[in-house]
Amino acid sequence: MSTSSQRRKVWSVPTVLAVLTLLGLASALLGEHWGWKAVGWITLAVPVLVGVWFARPRRSRPAAKAAVHP
């Protein structure tokens, strides 16, 4: 795998979340109408929901039972 491909794979999601955050902050702070406020709420909620999704506790998988041989 090339270096640029690795960078793109690693940084694509954080970059999208950063752009959404900036768009949400700008629309919430500068928007005058409810439509812009809604855009702000939605775009600021996405990074929060992504963080909550990946921070949630996960169930561990049950260990495979060892086969008993007589």
N, C-alpha and C. Protein backbone atom coordinates (compact mmCIF):
# COMPACT_ATOMS: atom_id res chain seq x y z
N MET A 1 0.85 -1.17 0.00
CA MET A 1 0.00 0.00 0.00
C MET A 1 0.90 1.23 0.00
N SER A 2 0.60 2.20 -0.85
CA SER A 2 1.44 3.39 -0.94
C SER A 2 1.18 4.33 0.23
N THR A 3 2.12 5.24 0.42
CA THR A 3 2.02 6.17 1.55
C THR A 3 0.81 7.09 1.41
N SER A 4 0.55 7.58 0.20
CA SER A 4 -0.61 8.47 0.01
C SER A 4 -1.92 7.73 0.24
N SER A 5 -1.95 6.46 -0.14
CA SER A 5 -3.15 5.66 0.09
C SER A 5 -3.38 5.44 1.58
N GLN A 6 -2.30 5.21 2.33
CA GLN A 6 -2.42 5.04 3.77
C GLN A 6 -2.89 6.33 4.43
N ARG A 7 -2.31 7.44 4.02
CA ARG A 7 -2.74 8.74 4.58
C ARG A 7 -4.20 9.00 4.31
N ARG A 8 -4.62 8.75 3.09
CA ARG A 8 -6.02 8.98 2.74
C ARG A 8 -6.93 8.10 3.58
N LYS A 9 -6.53 6.86 3.78
CA LYS A 9 -7.35 5.93 4.57
C LYS A 9 -7.43 6.37 6.03
N VAL A 10 -6.31 6.83 6.58
CA VAL A 10 -6.27 7.22 7.99
C VAL A 10 -6.98 8.55 8.22
N TRP A 11 -6.78 9.52 7.35
CA TRP A 11 -7.24 10.88 7.60
C TRP A 11 -8.57 11.24 6.95
N SER A 12 -9.20 10.35 6.21
CA SER A 12 -10.44 10.72 5.51
C SER A 12 -11.58 11.00 6.48
N VAL A 13 -11.81 10.13 7.43
CA VAL A 13 -12.93 10.33 8.37
C VAL A 13 -12.68 11.52 9.30
N PRO A 14 -11.49 11.68 9.90
CA PRO A 14 -11.28 12.87 10.73
C PRO A 14 -11.42 14.18 9.94
N THR A 15 -11.02 14.17 8.67
CA THR A 15 -11.16 15.37 7.85
C THR A 15 -12.63 15.69 7.60
N VAL A 16 -13.42 14.68 7.31
CA VAL A 16 -14.86 14.89 7.09
C VAL A 16 -15.51 15.41 8.37
N LEU A 17 -15.15 14.84 9.51
CA LEU A 17 -15.71 15.31 10.79
C LEU A 17 -15.29 16.75 11.08
N ALA A 18 -14.07 17.11 10.75
CA ALA A 18 -13.61 18.49 10.96
C ALA A 18 -14.37 19.47 10.06
N VAL A 19 -14.57 19.09 8.81
CA VAL A 19 -15.32 19.96 7.89
C VAL A 19 -16.76 20.11 8.36
N LEU A 20 -17.38 19.03 8.80
CA LEU A 20 -18.75 19.12 9.32
C LEU A 20 -18.82 20.03 10.55
N THR A 21 -17.82 19.92 11.43
CA THR A 21 -17.80 20.75 12.62
C THR A 21 -17.66 22.22 12.25
N LEU A 22 -16.75 22.53 11.34
CA LEU A 22 -16.57 23.93 10.91
C LEU A 22 -17.82 24.47 10.23
N LEU A 23 -18.43 23.67 9.38
CA LEU A 23 -19.67 24.09 8.73
C LEU A 23 -20.78 24.32 9.76
N GLY A 24 -20.87 23.42 10.72
CA GLY A 24 -21.89 23.56 11.76
C GLY A 24 -21.68 24.79 12.62
N LEU A 25 -20.43 25.04 13.02
CA LEU A 25 -20.15 26.24 13.82
C LEU A 25 -20.45 27.51 13.05
N ALA A 26 -20.02 27.56 11.80
CA ALA A 26 -20.25 28.76 10.99
C ALA A 26 -21.74 29.00 10.76
N SER A 27 -22.48 27.95 10.43
CA SER A 27 -23.91 28.13 10.17
C SER A 27 -24.68 28.48 11.44
N ALA A 28 -24.28 27.91 12.58
CA ALA A 28 -24.97 28.22 13.83
C ALA A 28 -24.66 29.64 14.30
N LEU A 29 -23.45 30.09 14.10
CA LEU A 29 -23.06 31.43 14.56
C LEU A 29 -23.48 32.52 13.60
N LEU A 30 -23.44 32.27 12.31
CA LEU A 30 -23.69 33.33 11.33
C LEU A 30 -25.07 33.27 10.70
N GLY A 31 -25.74 32.14 10.80
CA GLY A 31 -27.05 32.00 10.18
C GLY A 31 -28.12 32.77 10.93
N GLU A 32 -28.99 33.41 10.16
CA GLU A 32 -30.06 34.22 10.76
C GLU A 32 -31.40 33.48 10.81
N HIS A 33 -31.59 32.54 9.94
CA HIS A 33 -32.89 31.88 9.84
C HIS A 33 -32.83 30.49 10.46
N TRP A 34 -34.00 29.92 10.69
CA TRP A 34 -34.08 28.61 11.33
C TRP A 34 -33.44 27.53 10.49
N GLY A 35 -33.45 27.70 9.17
CA GLY A 35 -32.83 26.70 8.31
C GLY A 35 -31.34 26.57 8.59
N TRP A 36 -30.67 27.70 8.77
CA TRP A 36 -29.24 27.67 9.08
C TRP A 36 -28.99 27.11 10.47
N LYS A 37 -29.87 27.43 11.38
CA LYS A 37 -29.73 26.87 12.74
C LYS A 37 -29.88 25.35 12.72
N ALA A 38 -30.81 24.84 11.91
CA ALA A 38 -31.00 23.40 11.79
C ALA A 38 -29.77 22.74 11.17
N VAL A 39 -29.20 23.39 10.15
CA VAL A 39 -27.96 22.87 9.56
C VAL A 39 -26.86 22.81 10.62
N GLY A 40 -26.79 23.85 11.45
CA GLY A 40 -25.80 23.88 12.52
C GLY A 40 -25.99 22.74 13.51
N TRP A 41 -27.22 22.53 13.93
CA TRP A 41 -27.52 21.45 14.88
C TRP A 41 -27.16 20.09 14.30
N ILE A 42 -27.55 19.86 13.07
CA ILE A 42 -27.32 18.54 12.46
C ILE A 42 -25.83 18.30 12.26
N THR A 43 -25.13 19.30 11.70
CA THR A 43 -23.71 19.08 11.41
C THR A 43 -22.87 19.04 12.67
N LEU A 44 -23.31 19.65 13.74
CA LEU A 44 -22.58 19.53 15.00
C LEU A 44 -22.95 18.25 15.76
N ALA A 45 -24.11 17.70 15.47
CA ALA A 45 -24.52 16.46 16.13
C ALA A 45 -23.80 15.25 15.55
N VAL A 46 -23.45 15.29 14.28
CA VAL A 46 -22.82 14.13 13.64
C VAL A 46 -21.50 13.75 14.32
N PRO A 47 -20.54 14.68 14.53
CA PRO A 47 -19.31 14.28 15.22
C PRO A 47 -19.55 13.78 16.65
N VAL A 48 -20.52 14.35 17.33
CA VAL A 48 -20.84 13.90 18.69
C VAL A 48 -21.37 12.47 18.65
N LEU A 49 -22.27 12.20 17.73
CA LEU A 49 -22.83 10.85 17.62
C LEU A 49 -21.76 9.83 17.22
N VAL A 50 -20.85 10.22 16.35
CA VAL A 50 -19.76 9.32 15.98
C VAL A 50 -18.89 9.01 17.21
N GLY A 51 -18.59 10.04 18.00
CA GLY A 51 -17.80 9.83 19.22
C GLY A 51 -18.51 8.94 20.22
N VAL A 52 -19.80 9.14 20.39
CA VAL A 52 -20.57 8.31 21.32
C VAL A 52 -20.62 6.87 20.81
N TRP A 53 -20.79 6.70 19.51
CA TRP A 53 -20.85 5.35 18.93
C TRP A 53 -19.57 4.57 19.21
N PHE A 54 -18.42 5.21 19.01
CA PHE A 54 -17.16 4.49 19.19
C PHE A 54 -16.72 4.44 20.65
N ALA A 55 -17.32 5.22 21.53
CA ALA A 55 -16.97 5.19 22.94
C ALA A 55 -17.85 4.25 23.76
N ARG A 56 -18.88 3.72 23.14
CA ARG A 56 -19.81 2.86 23.88
C ARG A 56 -19.12 1.57 24.30
N PRO A 57 -19.54 1.03 25.42
CA PRO A 57 -18.95 -0.25 25.84
C PRO A 57 -19.38 -1.36 24.89
N ARG A 58 -18.46 -2.23 24.63
CA ARG A 58 -18.76 -3.34 23.73
C ARG A 58 -18.79 -4.63 24.51
N ARG A 59 -19.63 -5.52 24.09
CA ARG A 59 -19.71 -6.83 24.72
C ARG A 59 -18.53 -7.66 24.24
N SER A 60 -17.95 -8.37 25.16
CA SER A 60 -16.87 -9.26 24.74
C SER A 60 -17.47 -10.54 24.19
N ARG A 61 -16.77 -11.10 23.25
CA ARG A 61 -17.24 -12.36 22.67
C ARG A 61 -16.98 -13.49 23.66
N PRO A 62 -17.89 -14.45 23.74
CA PRO A 62 -17.64 -15.58 24.62
C PRO A 62 -16.45 -16.40 24.11
N ALA A 63 -15.67 -16.86 25.01
CA ALA A 63 -14.49 -17.65 24.65
C ALA A 63 -14.94 -18.98 24.04
N ALA A 64 -14.20 -19.42 23.07
CA ALA A 64 -14.52 -20.70 22.45
C ALA A 64 -14.28 -21.82 23.46
N LYS A 65 -15.22 -22.71 23.54
CA LYS A 65 -15.08 -23.82 24.48
C LYS A 65 -14.05 -24.81 23.95
N ALA A 66 -13.20 -25.23 24.81
CA ALA A 66 -12.19 -26.21 24.43
C ALA A 66 -12.85 -27.57 24.25
N ALA A 67 -12.46 -28.23 23.20
CA ALA A 67 -13.00 -29.56 22.94
C ALA A 67 -12.41 -30.55 23.94
N VAL A 68 -13.27 -31.34 24.52
CA VAL A 68 -12.83 -32.33 25.50
C VAL A 68 -12.66 -33.66 24.78
N HIS A 69 -11.43 -34.17 24.80
CA HIS A 69 -11.17 -35.45 24.15
C HIS A 69 -10.96 -36.51 25.24
N PRO A 70 -11.69 -37.63 25.14
CA PRO A 70 -11.54 -38.68 26.17
C PRO A 70 -10.23 -39.43 26.06
